[in-house]
Each structure stands twice: as C-alpha cells, then as structure tokens.
Amino acid sequence: YPSYLIICSADGKVEKTITNLVHDIHDV
C-alpha cells in the first residue's frame, strides 16, 4: 500500500514503476 511494482536492472537501478494494477498486492 499503495500497490505498485518496481522493475530494477541487474545492477540495481530502478528502470520502471507500474501502477494502477490491483489493490493490496501481497506477492509477485
């Protein structure tokens, strides 16, 4: 909360954030 996904490169840099999927994401 708030629910979103963060995609990171193999060296740890944040590449992208994905929002507006579903509430209360509990696992990926």
mmCIF file of all heavy atoms, coordinates in Angstrom:
data_MODEL
# 
_entry.id   MODEL 
# 
loop_
_atom_site.group_PDB 
_atom_site.id 
_atom_site.type_symbol 
_atom_site.label_atom_id 
_atom_site.label_alt_id 
_atom_site.label_comp_id 
_atom_site.label_asym_id 
_atom_site.label_entity_id 
_atom_site.label_seq_id 
_atom_site.pdbx_PDB_ins_code 
_atom_site.Cartn_x 
_atom_site.Cartn_y 
_atom_site.Cartn_z 
_atom_site.occupancy 
_atom_site.B_iso_or_equiv 
_atom_site.pdbx_formal_charge 
_atom_site.auth_seq_id 
_atom_site.auth_comp_id 
_atom_site.auth_asym_id 
_atom_site.auth_atom_id 
_atom_site.pdbx_PDB_model_num 
ATOM 1   N N   . TYR A 1 1  ? 0.843  -1.207  0.000   1.00 0.00 ? 1  TYR A N   1 
ATOM 2   C CA  . TYR A 1 1  ? 0.000  0.000   0.000   1.00 0.00 ? 1  TYR A CA  1 
ATOM 3   C C   . TYR A 1 1  ? 0.872  1.248   0.000   1.00 0.00 ? 1  TYR A C   1 
ATOM 4   O O   . TYR A 1 1  ? 1.704  1.413   0.892   1.00 0.00 ? 1  TYR A O   1 
ATOM 5   C CB  . TYR A 1 1  ? -0.923 0.018   1.222   1.00 0.00 ? 1  TYR A CB  1 
ATOM 6   C CG  . TYR A 1 1  ? -1.854 1.219   1.210   1.00 0.00 ? 1  TYR A CG  1 
ATOM 7   C CD1 . TYR A 1 1  ? -3.025 1.171   0.470   1.00 0.00 ? 1  TYR A CD1 1 
ATOM 8   C CD2 . TYR A 1 1  ? -1.534 2.372   1.910   1.00 0.00 ? 1  TYR A CD2 1 
ATOM 9   C CE1 . TYR A 1 1  ? -3.871 2.269   0.433   1.00 0.00 ? 1  TYR A CE1 1 
ATOM 10  C CE2 . TYR A 1 1  ? -2.369 3.469   1.870   1.00 0.00 ? 1  TYR A CE2 1 
ATOM 11  C CZ  . TYR A 1 1  ? -3.530 3.424   1.135   1.00 0.00 ? 1  TYR A CZ  1 
ATOM 12  O OH  . TYR A 1 1  ? -4.359 4.513   1.091   1.00 0.00 ? 1  TYR A OH  1 
ATOM 13  N N   . PRO A 1 2  ? 0.692  2.107   -1.011  1.00 0.00 ? 2  PRO A N   1 
ATOM 14  C CA  . PRO A 1 2  ? -0.132 1.878   -2.216  1.00 0.00 ? 2  PRO A CA  1 
ATOM 15  C C   . PRO A 1 2  ? 0.476  0.764   -3.061  1.00 0.00 ? 2  PRO A C   1 
ATOM 16  O O   . PRO A 1 2  ? 1.682  0.529   -3.002  1.00 0.00 ? 2  PRO A O   1 
ATOM 17  C CB  . PRO A 1 2  ? -0.084 3.224   -2.929  1.00 0.00 ? 2  PRO A CB  1 
ATOM 18  C CG  . PRO A 1 2  ? 1.213  3.846   -2.478  1.00 0.00 ? 2  PRO A CG  1 
ATOM 19  C CD  . PRO A 1 2  ? 1.402  3.407   -1.057  1.00 0.00 ? 2  PRO A CD  1 
ATOM 20  N N   . SER A 1 3  ? -0.353 0.094   -3.836  1.00 0.00 ? 3  SER A N   1 
ATOM 21  C CA  . SER A 1 3  ? 0.090  -1.082  -4.579  1.00 0.00 ? 3  SER A CA  1 
ATOM 22  C C   . SER A 1 3  ? 0.719  -0.691  -5.914  1.00 0.00 ? 3  SER A C   1 
ATOM 23  O O   . SER A 1 3  ? 0.096  0.009   -6.721  1.00 0.00 ? 3  SER A O   1 
ATOM 24  C CB  . SER A 1 3  ? -1.090 -2.032  -4.825  1.00 0.00 ? 3  SER A CB  1 
ATOM 25  O OG  . SER A 1 3  ? -1.448 -2.690  -3.631  1.00 0.00 ? 3  SER A OG  1 
ATOM 26  N N   . TYR A 1 4  ? 1.953  -1.163  -6.129  1.00 0.00 ? 4  TYR A N   1 
ATOM 27  C CA  . TYR A 1 4  ? 2.624  -0.952  -7.410  1.00 0.00 ? 4  TYR A CA  1 
ATOM 28  C C   . TYR A 1 4  ? 3.806  -1.912  -7.512  1.00 0.00 ? 4  TYR A C   1 
ATOM 29  O O   . TYR A 1 4  ? 4.175  -2.568  -6.538  1.00 0.00 ? 4  TYR A O   1 
ATOM 30  C CB  . TYR A 1 4  ? 3.089  0.501   -7.574  1.00 0.00 ? 4  TYR A CB  1 
ATOM 31  C CG  . TYR A 1 4  ? 3.964  1.024   -6.469  1.00 0.00 ? 4  TYR A CG  1 
ATOM 32  C CD1 . TYR A 1 4  ? 5.332  0.794   -6.451  1.00 0.00 ? 4  TYR A CD1 1 
ATOM 33  C CD2 . TYR A 1 4  ? 3.415  1.779   -5.429  1.00 0.00 ? 4  TYR A CD2 1 
ATOM 34  C CE1 . TYR A 1 4  ? 6.138  1.291   -5.448  1.00 0.00 ? 4  TYR A CE1 1 
ATOM 35  C CE2 . TYR A 1 4  ? 4.210  2.278   -4.415  1.00 0.00 ? 4  TYR A CE2 1 
ATOM 36  C CZ  . TYR A 1 4  ? 5.567  2.037   -4.424  1.00 0.00 ? 4  TYR A CZ  1 
ATOM 37  O OH  . TYR A 1 4  ? 6.363  2.520   -3.415  1.00 0.00 ? 4  TYR A OH  1 
ATOM 38  N N   . LEU A 1 5  ? 4.381  -2.005  -8.716  1.00 0.00 ? 5  LEU A N   1 
ATOM 39  C CA  . LEU A 1 5  ? 5.556  -2.835  -8.979  1.00 0.00 ? 5  LEU A CA  1 
ATOM 40  C C   . LEU A 1 5  ? 6.728  -1.950  -9.358  1.00 0.00 ? 5  LEU A C   1 
ATOM 41  O O   . LEU A 1 5  ? 6.556  -0.928  -10.035 1.00 0.00 ? 5  LEU A O   1 
ATOM 42  C CB  . LEU A 1 5  ? 5.283  -3.835  -10.114 1.00 0.00 ? 5  LEU A CB  1 
ATOM 43  C CG  . LEU A 1 5  ? 4.169  -4.854  -9.909  1.00 0.00 ? 5  LEU A CG  1 
ATOM 44  C CD1 . LEU A 1 5  ? 4.027  -5.725  -11.162 1.00 0.00 ? 5  LEU A CD1 1 
ATOM 45  C CD2 . LEU A 1 5  ? 4.430  -5.724  -8.697  1.00 0.00 ? 5  LEU A CD2 1 
ATOM 46  N N   . ILE A 1 6  ? 7.924  -2.358  -8.953  1.00 0.00 ? 6  ILE A N   1 
ATOM 47  C CA  . ILE A 1 6  ? 9.156  -1.648  -9.312  1.00 0.00 ? 6  ILE A CA  1 
ATOM 48  C C   . ILE A 1 6  ? 10.063 -2.626  -10.053 1.00 0.00 ? 6  ILE A C   1 
ATOM 49  O O   . ILE A 1 6  ? 10.364 -3.706  -9.538  1.00 0.00 ? 6  ILE A O   1 
ATOM 50  C CB  . ILE A 1 6  ? 9.883  -1.103  -8.074  1.00 0.00 ? 6  ILE A CB  1 
ATOM 51  C CG1 . ILE A 1 6  ? 8.988  -0.121  -7.314  1.00 0.00 ? 6  ILE A CG1 1 
ATOM 52  C CG2 . ILE A 1 6  ? 11.187 -0.429  -8.475  1.00 0.00 ? 6  ILE A CG2 1 
ATOM 53  C CD1 . ILE A 1 6  ? 9.586  0.331   -6.004  1.00 0.00 ? 6  ILE A CD1 1 
ATOM 54  N N   . ILE A 1 7  ? 10.473 -2.259  -11.270 1.00 0.00 ? 7  ILE A N   1 
ATOM 55  C CA  . ILE A 1 7  ? 11.380 -3.101  -12.064 1.00 0.00 ? 7  ILE A CA  1 
ATOM 56  C C   . ILE A 1 7  ? 12.778 -2.499  -11.976 1.00 0.00 ? 7  ILE A C   1 
ATOM 57  O O   . ILE A 1 7  ? 12.970 -1.305  -12.260 1.00 0.00 ? 7  ILE A O   1 
ATOM 58  C CB  . ILE A 1 7  ? 10.932 -3.207  -13.533 1.00 0.00 ? 7  ILE A CB  1 
ATOM 59  C CG1 . ILE A 1 7  ? 9.571  -3.907  -13.630 1.00 0.00 ? 7  ILE A CG1 1 
ATOM 60  C CG2 . ILE A 1 7  ? 11.941 -3.985  -14.345 1.00 0.00 ? 7  ILE A CG2 1 
ATOM 61  C CD1 . ILE A 1 7  ? 8.388  -2.989  -13.574 1.00 0.00 ? 7  ILE A CD1 1 
ATOM 62  N N   . CYS A 1 8  ? 13.754 -3.318  -11.583 1.00 0.00 ? 8  CYS A N   1 
ATOM 63  C CA  . CYS A 1 8  ? 15.138 -2.868  -11.427 1.00 0.00 ? 8  CYS A CA  1 
ATOM 64  C C   . CYS A 1 8  ? 16.054 -3.651  -12.359 1.00 0.00 ? 8  CYS A C   1 
ATOM 65  O O   . CYS A 1 8  ? 15.819 -4.832  -12.633 1.00 0.00 ? 8  CYS A O   1 
ATOM 66  C CB  . CYS A 1 8  ? 15.608 -3.049  -9.989  1.00 0.00 ? 8  CYS A CB  1 
ATOM 67  S SG  . CYS A 1 8  ? 14.661 -2.122  -8.764  1.00 0.00 ? 8  CYS A SG  1 
ATOM 68  N N   . SER A 1 9  ? 17.096 -2.987  -12.835 1.00 0.00 ? 9  SER A N   1 
ATOM 69  C CA  . SER A 1 9  ? 18.092 -3.653  -13.668 1.00 0.00 ? 9  SER A CA  1 
ATOM 70  C C   . SER A 1 9  ? 18.952 -4.569  -12.803 1.00 0.00 ? 9  SER A C   1 
ATOM 71  O O   . SER A 1 9  ? 18.891 -4.518  -11.572 1.00 0.00 ? 9  SER A O   1 
ATOM 72  C CB  . SER A 1 9  ? 18.968 -2.623  -14.382 1.00 0.00 ? 9  SER A CB  1 
ATOM 73  O OG  . SER A 1 9  ? 19.685 -1.849  -13.430 1.00 0.00 ? 9  SER A OG  1 
ATOM 74  N N   . ALA A 1 10 ? 19.768 -5.381  -13.461 1.00 0.00 ? 10 ALA A N   1 
ATOM 75  C CA  . ALA A 1 10 ? 20.597 -6.342  -12.732 1.00 0.00 ? 10 ALA A CA  1 
ATOM 76  C C   . ALA A 1 10 ? 21.618 -5.662  -11.827 1.00 0.00 ? 10 ALA A C   1 
ATOM 77  O O   . ALA A 1 10 ? 22.091 -6.265  -10.856 1.00 0.00 ? 10 ALA A O   1 
ATOM 78  C CB  . ALA A 1 10 ? 21.315 -7.267  -13.718 1.00 0.00 ? 10 ALA A CB  1 
ATOM 79  N N   . ASP A 1 11 ? 21.950 -4.389  -12.108 1.00 0.00 ? 11 ASP A N   1 
ATOM 80  C CA  . ASP A 1 11 ? 22.894 -3.665  -11.251 1.00 0.00 ? 11 ASP A CA  1 
ATOM 81  C C   . ASP A 1 11 ? 22.188 -2.800  -10.214 1.00 0.00 ? 11 ASP A C   1 
ATOM 82  O O   . ASP A 1 11 ? 22.822 -1.987  -9.539  1.00 0.00 ? 11 ASP A O   1 
ATOM 83  C CB  . ASP A 1 11 ? 23.838 -2.806  -12.106 1.00 0.00 ? 11 ASP A CB  1 
ATOM 84  C CG  . ASP A 1 11 ? 23.086 -1.803  -12.983 1.00 0.00 ? 11 ASP A CG  1 
ATOM 85  O OD1 . ASP A 1 11 ? 21.843 -1.757  -12.908 1.00 0.00 ? 11 ASP A OD1 1 
ATOM 86  O OD2 . ASP A 1 11 ? 23.750 -1.084  -13.748 1.00 0.00 ? 11 ASP A OD2 1 
ATOM 87  N N   . GLY A 1 12 ? 20.857 -2.959  -10.087 1.00 0.00 ? 12 GLY A N   1 
ATOM 88  C CA  . GLY A 1 12 ? 20.121 -2.299  -9.014  1.00 0.00 ? 12 GLY A CA  1 
ATOM 89  C C   . GLY A 1 12 ? 19.495 -0.964  -9.357  1.00 0.00 ? 12 GLY A C   1 
ATOM 90  O O   . GLY A 1 12 ? 18.873 -0.333  -8.491  1.00 0.00 ? 12 GLY A O   1 
ATOM 91  N N   . LYS A 1 13 ? 19.585 -0.509  -10.599 1.00 0.00 ? 13 LYS A N   1 
ATOM 92  C CA  . LYS A 1 13 ? 18.997 0.775   -10.966 1.00 0.00 ? 13 LYS A CA  1 
ATOM 93  C C   . LYS A 1 13 ? 17.499 0.606   -11.254 1.00 0.00 ? 13 LYS A C   1 
ATOM 94  O O   . LYS A 1 13 ? 17.097 -0.329  -11.926 1.00 0.00 ? 13 LYS A O   1 
ATOM 95  C CB  . LYS A 1 13 ? 19.700 1.351   -12.200 1.00 0.00 ? 13 LYS A CB  1 
ATOM 96  C CG  . LYS A 1 13 ? 21.155 1.698   -11.961 1.00 0.00 ? 13 LYS A CG  1 
ATOM 97  C CD  . LYS A 1 13 ? 21.807 2.252   -13.222 1.00 0.00 ? 13 LYS A CD  1 
ATOM 98  C CE  . LYS A 1 13 ? 23.276 2.578   -12.972 1.00 0.00 ? 13 LYS A CE  1 
ATOM 99  N NZ  . LYS A 1 13 ? 23.944 3.083   -14.207 1.00 0.00 ? 13 LYS A NZ  1 
ATOM 100 N N   . VAL A 1 14 ? 16.704 1.527   -10.725 1.00 0.00 ? 14 VAL A N   1 
ATOM 101 C CA  . VAL A 1 14 ? 15.257 1.477   -10.956 1.00 0.00 ? 14 VAL A CA  1 
ATOM 102 C C   . VAL A 1 14 ? 14.965 1.869   -12.400 1.00 0.00 ? 14 VAL A C   1 
ATOM 103 O O   . VAL A 1 14 ? 15.332 2.956   -12.848 1.00 0.00 ? 14 VAL A O   1 
ATOM 104 C CB  . VAL A 1 14 ? 14.507 2.417   -9.991  1.00 0.00 ? 14 VAL A CB  1 
ATOM 105 C CG1 . VAL A 1 14 ? 13.017 2.429   -10.318 1.00 0.00 ? 14 VAL A CG1 1 
ATOM 106 C CG2 . VAL A 1 14 ? 14.718 1.974   -8.553  1.00 0.00 ? 14 VAL A CG2 1 
ATOM 107 N N   . GLU A 1 15 ? 14.334 0.973   -13.161 1.00 0.00 ? 15 GLU A N   1 
ATOM 108 C CA  . GLU A 1 15 ? 14.031 1.226   -14.565 1.00 0.00 ? 15 GLU A CA  1 
ATOM 109 C C   . GLU A 1 15 ? 12.600 1.705   -14.788 1.00 0.00 ? 15 GLU A C   1 
ATOM 110 O O   . GLU A 1 15 ? 12.347 2.518   -15.662 1.00 0.00 ? 15 GLU A O   1 
ATOM 111 C CB  . GLU A 1 15 ? 14.258 -0.052  -15.392 1.00 0.00 ? 15 GLU A CB  1 
ATOM 112 C CG  . GLU A 1 15 ? 15.701 -0.477  -15.511 1.00 0.00 ? 15 GLU A CG  1 
ATOM 113 C CD  . GLU A 1 15 ? 15.871 -1.640  -16.477 1.00 0.00 ? 15 GLU A CD  1 
ATOM 114 O OE1 . GLU A 1 15 ? 14.858 -2.275  -16.837 1.00 0.00 ? 15 GLU A OE1 1 
ATOM 115 O OE2 . GLU A 1 15 ? 17.015 -1.908  -16.890 1.00 0.00 ? 15 GLU A OE2 1 
ATOM 116 N N   . LYS A 1 16 ? 11.672 1.179   -13.978 1.00 0.00 ? 16 LYS A N   1 
ATOM 117 C CA  . LYS A 1 16 ? 10.266 1.438   -14.282 1.00 0.00 ? 16 LYS A CA  1 
ATOM 118 C C   . LYS A 1 16 ? 9.409  1.163   -13.052 1.00 0.00 ? 16 LYS A C   1 
ATOM 119 O O   . LYS A 1 16 ? 9.737  0.312   -12.228 1.00 0.00 ? 16 LYS A O   1 
ATOM 120 C CB  . LYS A 1 16 ? 9.833  0.516   -15.435 1.00 0.00 ? 16 LYS A CB  1 
ATOM 121 C CG  . LYS A 1 16 ? 8.480  0.815   -16.048 1.00 0.00 ? 16 LYS A CG  1 
ATOM 122 C CD  . LYS A 1 16 ? 8.258  -0.127  -17.235 1.00 0.00 ? 16 LYS A CD  1 
ATOM 123 C CE  . LYS A 1 16 ? 6.972  0.192   -17.975 1.00 0.00 ? 16 LYS A CE  1 
ATOM 124 N NZ  . LYS A 1 16 ? 6.770  -0.716  -19.128 1.00 0.00 ? 16 LYS A NZ  1 
ATOM 125 N N   . THR A 1 17 ? 8.307  1.905   -12.932 1.00 0.00 ? 17 THR A N   1 
ATOM 126 C CA  . THR A 1 17 ? 7.310  1.663   -11.895 1.00 0.00 ? 17 THR A CA  1 
ATOM 127 C C   . THR A 1 17 ? 5.962  1.449   -12.562 1.00 0.00 ? 17 THR A C   1 
ATOM 128 O O   . THR A 1 17 ? 5.560  2.235   -13.422 1.00 0.00 ? 17 THR A O   1 
ATOM 129 C CB  . THR A 1 17 ? 7.231  2.838   -10.905 1.00 0.00 ? 17 THR A CB  1 
ATOM 130 O OG1 . THR A 1 17 ? 8.508  3.012   -10.273 1.00 0.00 ? 17 THR A OG1 1 
ATOM 131 C CG2 . THR A 1 17 ? 6.196  2.564   -9.825  1.00 0.00 ? 17 THR A CG2 1 
ATOM 132 N N   . ILE A 1 18 ? 5.272  0.373   -12.192 1.00 0.00 ? 18 ILE A N   1 
ATOM 133 C CA  . ILE A 1 18 ? 3.962  0.047   -12.779 1.00 0.00 ? 18 ILE A CA  1 
ATOM 134 C C   . ILE A 1 18 ? 2.890  0.218   -11.709 1.00 0.00 ? 18 ILE A C   1 
ATOM 135 O O   . ILE A 1 18 ? 2.937  -0.419  -10.656 1.00 0.00 ? 18 ILE A O   1 
ATOM 136 C CB  . ILE A 1 18 ? 3.936  -1.388  -13.322 1.00 0.00 ? 18 ILE A CB  1 
ATOM 137 C CG1 . ILE A 1 18 ? 4.999  -1.564  -14.421 1.00 0.00 ? 18 ILE A CG1 1 
ATOM 138 C CG2 . ILE A 1 18 ? 2.560  -1.745  -13.861 1.00 0.00 ? 18 ILE A CG2 1 
ATOM 139 C CD1 . ILE A 1 18 ? 5.086  -2.980  -14.958 1.00 0.00 ? 18 ILE A CD1 1 
ATOM 140 N N   . THR A 1 19 ? 1.921  1.080   -11.975 1.00 0.00 ? 19 THR A N   1 
ATOM 141 C CA  . THR A 1 19 ? 0.853  1.366   -11.026 1.00 0.00 ? 19 THR A CA  1 
ATOM 142 C C   . THR A 1 19 ? -0.498 0.993   -11.629 1.00 0.00 ? 19 THR A C   1 
ATOM 143 O O   . THR A 1 19 ? -0.587 0.494   -12.745 1.00 0.00 ? 19 THR A O   1 
ATOM 144 C CB  . THR A 1 19 ? 0.868  2.855   -10.645 1.00 0.00 ? 19 THR A CB  1 
ATOM 145 O OG1 . THR A 1 19 ? 0.719  3.648   -11.842 1.00 0.00 ? 19 THR A OG1 1 
ATOM 146 C CG2 . THR A 1 19 ? 2.192  3.234   -9.983  1.00 0.00 ? 19 THR A CG2 1 
ATOM 147 N N   . ASN A 1 20 ? -1.555 1.250   -10.869 1.00 0.00 ? 20 ASN A N   1 
ATOM 148 C CA  . ASN A 1 20 ? -2.945 1.053   -11.334 1.00 0.00 ? 20 ASN A CA  1 
ATOM 149 C C   . ASN A 1 20 ? -3.214 -0.387  -11.759 1.00 0.00 ? 20 ASN A C   1 
ATOM 150 O O   . ASN A 1 20 ? -3.819 -0.645  -12.803 1.00 0.00 ? 20 ASN A O   1 
ATOM 151 C CB  . ASN A 1 20 ? -3.265 2.003   -12.499 1.00 0.00 ? 20 ASN A CB  1 
ATOM 152 C CG  . ASN A 1 20 ? -3.112 3.457   -12.118 1.00 0.00 ? 20 ASN A CG  1 
ATOM 153 O OD1 . ASN A 1 20 ? -3.438 3.848   -11.007 1.00 0.00 ? 20 ASN A OD1 1 
ATOM 154 N ND2 . ASN A 1 20 ? -2.585 4.252   -13.031 1.00 0.00 ? 20 ASN A ND2 1 
ATOM 155 N N   . LEU A 1 21 ? -2.754 -1.346  -10.934 1.00 0.00 ? 21 LEU A N   1 
ATOM 156 C CA  . LEU A 1 21 ? -2.995 -2.752  -11.246 1.00 0.00 ? 21 LEU A CA  1 
ATOM 157 C C   . LEU A 1 21 ? -4.127 -3.319  -10.405 1.00 0.00 ? 21 LEU A C   1 
ATOM 158 O O   . LEU A 1 21 ? -5.199 -3.624  -10.896 1.00 0.00 ? 21 LEU A O   1 
ATOM 159 C CB  . LEU A 1 21 ? -1.708 -3.572  -11.012 1.00 0.00 ? 21 LEU A CB  1 
ATOM 160 C CG  . LEU A 1 21 ? -0.556 -3.289  -11.970 1.00 0.00 ? 21 LEU A CG  1 
ATOM 161 C CD1 . LEU A 1 21 ? 0.702  -4.020  -11.533 1.00 0.00 ? 21 LEU A CD1 1 
ATOM 162 C CD2 . LEU A 1 21 ? -0.940 -3.717  -13.392 1.00 0.00 ? 21 LEU A CD2 1 
ATOM 163 N N   . VAL A 1 22 ? -3.896 -3.463  -9.115  1.00 0.00 ? 22 VAL A N   1 
ATOM 164 C CA  . VAL A 1 22 ? -4.885 -4.020  -8.194  1.00 0.00 ? 22 VAL A CA  1 
ATOM 165 C C   . VAL A 1 22 ? -4.505 -3.546  -6.793  1.00 0.00 ? 22 VAL A C   1 
ATOM 166 O O   . VAL A 1 22 ? -3.343 -3.254  -6.514  1.00 0.00 ? 22 VAL A O   1 
ATOM 167 C CB  . VAL A 1 22 ? -4.907 -5.566  -8.273  1.00 0.00 ? 22 VAL A CB  1 
ATOM 168 C CG1 . VAL A 1 22 ? -3.605 -6.151  -7.772  1.00 0.00 ? 22 VAL A CG1 1 
ATOM 169 C CG2 . VAL A 1 22 ? -6.083 -6.132  -7.493  1.00 0.00 ? 22 VAL A CG2 1 
ATOM 170 N N   . HIS A 1 23 ? -5.483 -3.442  -5.905  1.00 0.00 ? 23 HIS A N   1 
ATOM 171 C CA  . HIS A 1 23 ? -5.199 -3.047  -4.531  1.00 0.00 ? 23 HIS A CA  1 
ATOM 172 C C   . HIS A 1 23 ? -4.610 -4.219  -3.747  1.00 0.00 ? 23 HIS A C   1 
ATOM 173 O O   . HIS A 1 23 ? -4.860 -5.386  -4.044  1.00 0.00 ? 23 HIS A O   1 
ATOM 174 C CB  . HIS A 1 23 ? -6.473 -2.565  -3.838  1.00 0.00 ? 23 HIS A CB  1 
ATOM 175 C CG  . HIS A 1 23 ? -7.029 -1.300  -4.439  1.00 0.00 ? 23 HIS A CG  1 
ATOM 176 N ND1 . HIS A 1 23 ? -6.325 -0.120  -4.453  1.00 0.00 ? 23 HIS A ND1 1 
ATOM 177 C CD2 . HIS A 1 23 ? -8.223 -1.051  -5.034  1.00 0.00 ? 23 HIS A CD2 1 
ATOM 178 C CE1 . HIS A 1 23 ? -7.058 0.814   -5.039  1.00 0.00 ? 23 HIS A CE1 1 
ATOM 179 N NE2 . HIS A 1 23 ? -8.217 0.271   -5.412  1.00 0.00 ? 23 HIS A NE2 1 
ATOM 180 N N   . ASP A 1 24 ? -3.828 -3.903  -2.736  1.00 0.00 ? 24 ASP A N   1 
ATOM 181 C CA  . ASP A 1 24 ? -3.335 -4.876  -1.758  1.00 0.00 ? 24 ASP A CA  1 
ATOM 182 C C   . ASP A 1 24 ? -2.521 -6.004  -2.394  1.00 0.00 ? 24 ASP A C   1 
ATOM 183 O O   . ASP A 1 24 ? -2.749 -7.189  -2.142  1.00 0.00 ? 24 ASP A O   1 
ATOM 184 C CB  . ASP A 1 24 ? -4.502 -5.482  -0.971  1.00 0.00 ? 24 ASP A CB  1 
ATOM 185 C CG  . ASP A 1 24 ? -5.410 -4.431  -0.362  1.00 0.00 ? 24 ASP A CG  1 
ATOM 186 O OD1 . ASP A 1 24 ? -4.881 -3.382  0.021   1.00 0.00 ? 24 ASP A OD1 1 
ATOM 187 O OD2 . ASP A 1 24 ? -6.633 -4.673  -0.284  1.00 0.00 ? 24 ASP A OD2 1 
ATOM 188 N N   . ILE A 1 25 ? -1.544 -5.665  -3.248  1.00 0.00 ? 25 ILE A N   1 
ATOM 189 C CA  . ILE A 1 25 ? -0.666 -6.690  -3.822  1.00 0.00 ? 25 ILE A CA  1 
ATOM 190 C C   . ILE A 1 25 ? 0.117  -7.350  -2.693  1.00 0.00 ? 25 ILE A C   1 
ATOM 191 O O   . ILE A 1 25 ? 0.835  -6.691  -1.944  1.00 0.00 ? 25 ILE A O   1 
ATOM 192 C CB  . ILE A 1 25 ? 0.307  -6.081  -4.852  1.00 0.00 ? 25 ILE A CB  1 
ATOM 193 C CG1 . ILE A 1 25 ? -0.468 -5.558  -6.067  1.00 0.00 ? 25 ILE A CG1 1 
ATOM 194 C CG2 . ILE A 1 25 ? 1.332  -7.122  -5.290  1.00 0.00 ? 25 ILE A CG2 1 
ATOM 195 C CD1 . ILE A 1 25 ? 0.413  -4.898  -7.104  1.00 0.00 ? 25 ILE A CD1 1 
ATOM 196 N N   . HIS A 1 26 ? -0.033 -8.683  -2.583  1.00 0.00 ? 26 HIS A N   1 
ATOM 197 C CA  . HIS A 1 26 ? 0.581  -9.397  -1.465  1.00 0.00 ? 26 HIS A CA  1 
ATOM 198 C C   . HIS A 1 26 ? 1.807  -10.200 -1.874  1.00 0.00 ? 26 HIS A C   1 
ATOM 199 O O   . HIS A 1 26 ? 2.608  -10.592 -1.021  1.00 0.00 ? 26 HIS A O   1 
ATOM 200 C CB  . HIS A 1 26 ? -0.446 -10.327 -0.813  1.00 0.00 ? 26 HIS A CB  1 
ATOM 201 C CG  . HIS A 1 26 ? -0.209 -10.522 0.654   1.00 0.00 ? 26 HIS A CG  1 
ATOM 202 N ND1 . HIS A 1 26 ? 0.782  -11.336 1.155   1.00 0.00 ? 26 HIS A ND1 1 
ATOM 203 C CD2 . HIS A 1 26 ? -0.828 -9.986  1.742   1.00 0.00 ? 26 HIS A CD2 1 
ATOM 204 C CE1 . HIS A 1 26 ? 0.766  -11.308 2.482   1.00 0.00 ? 26 HIS A CE1 1 
ATOM 205 N NE2 . HIS A 1 26 ? -0.197 -10.498 2.865   1.00 0.00 ? 26 HIS A NE2 1 
ATOM 206 N N   . ASP A 1 27 ? 1.970  -10.479 -3.167  1.00 0.00 ? 27 ASP A N   1 
ATOM 207 C CA  . ASP A 1 27 ? 3.150  -11.221 -3.612  1.00 0.00 ? 27 ASP A CA  1 
ATOM 208 C C   . ASP A 1 27 ? 3.279  -11.099 -5.124  1.00 0.00 ? 27 ASP A C   1 
ATOM 209 O O   . ASP A 1 27 ? 2.298  -10.803 -5.831  1.00 0.00 ? 27 ASP A O   1 
ATOM 210 C CB  . ASP A 1 27 ? 3.049  -12.695 -3.217  1.00 0.00 ? 27 ASP A CB  1 
ATOM 211 C CG  . ASP A 1 27 ? 4.416  -13.397 -3.233  1.00 0.00 ? 27 ASP A CG  1 
ATOM 212 O OD1 . ASP A 1 27 ? 5.436  -12.698 -3.353  1.00 0.00 ? 27 ASP A OD1 1 
ATOM 213 O OD2 . ASP A 1 27 ? 4.456  -14.628 -3.112  1.00 0.00 ? 27 ASP A OD2 1 
ATOM 214 N N   . VAL A 1 28 ? 4.493  -11.321 -5.625  1.00 0.00 ? 28 VAL A N   1 
ATOM 215 C CA  . VAL A 1 28 ? 4.772  -11.293 -7.056  1.00 0.00 ? 28 VAL A CA  1 
ATOM 216 C C   . VAL A 1 28 ? 5.707  -12.444 -7.381  1.00 0.00 ? 28 VAL A C   1 
ATOM 217 O O   . VAL A 1 28 ? 6.579  -12.790 -6.577  1.00 0.00 ? 28 VAL A O   1 
ATOM 218 C CB  . VAL A 1 28 ? 5.391  -9.939  -7.488  1.00 0.00 ? 28 VAL A CB  1 
ATOM 219 C CG1 . VAL A 1 28 ? 6.694  -9.689  -6.748  1.00 0.00 ? 28 VAL A CG1 1 
ATOM 220 C CG2 . VAL A 1 28 ? 5.625  -9.898  -9.002  1.00 0.00 ? 28 VAL A CG2 1 
# 
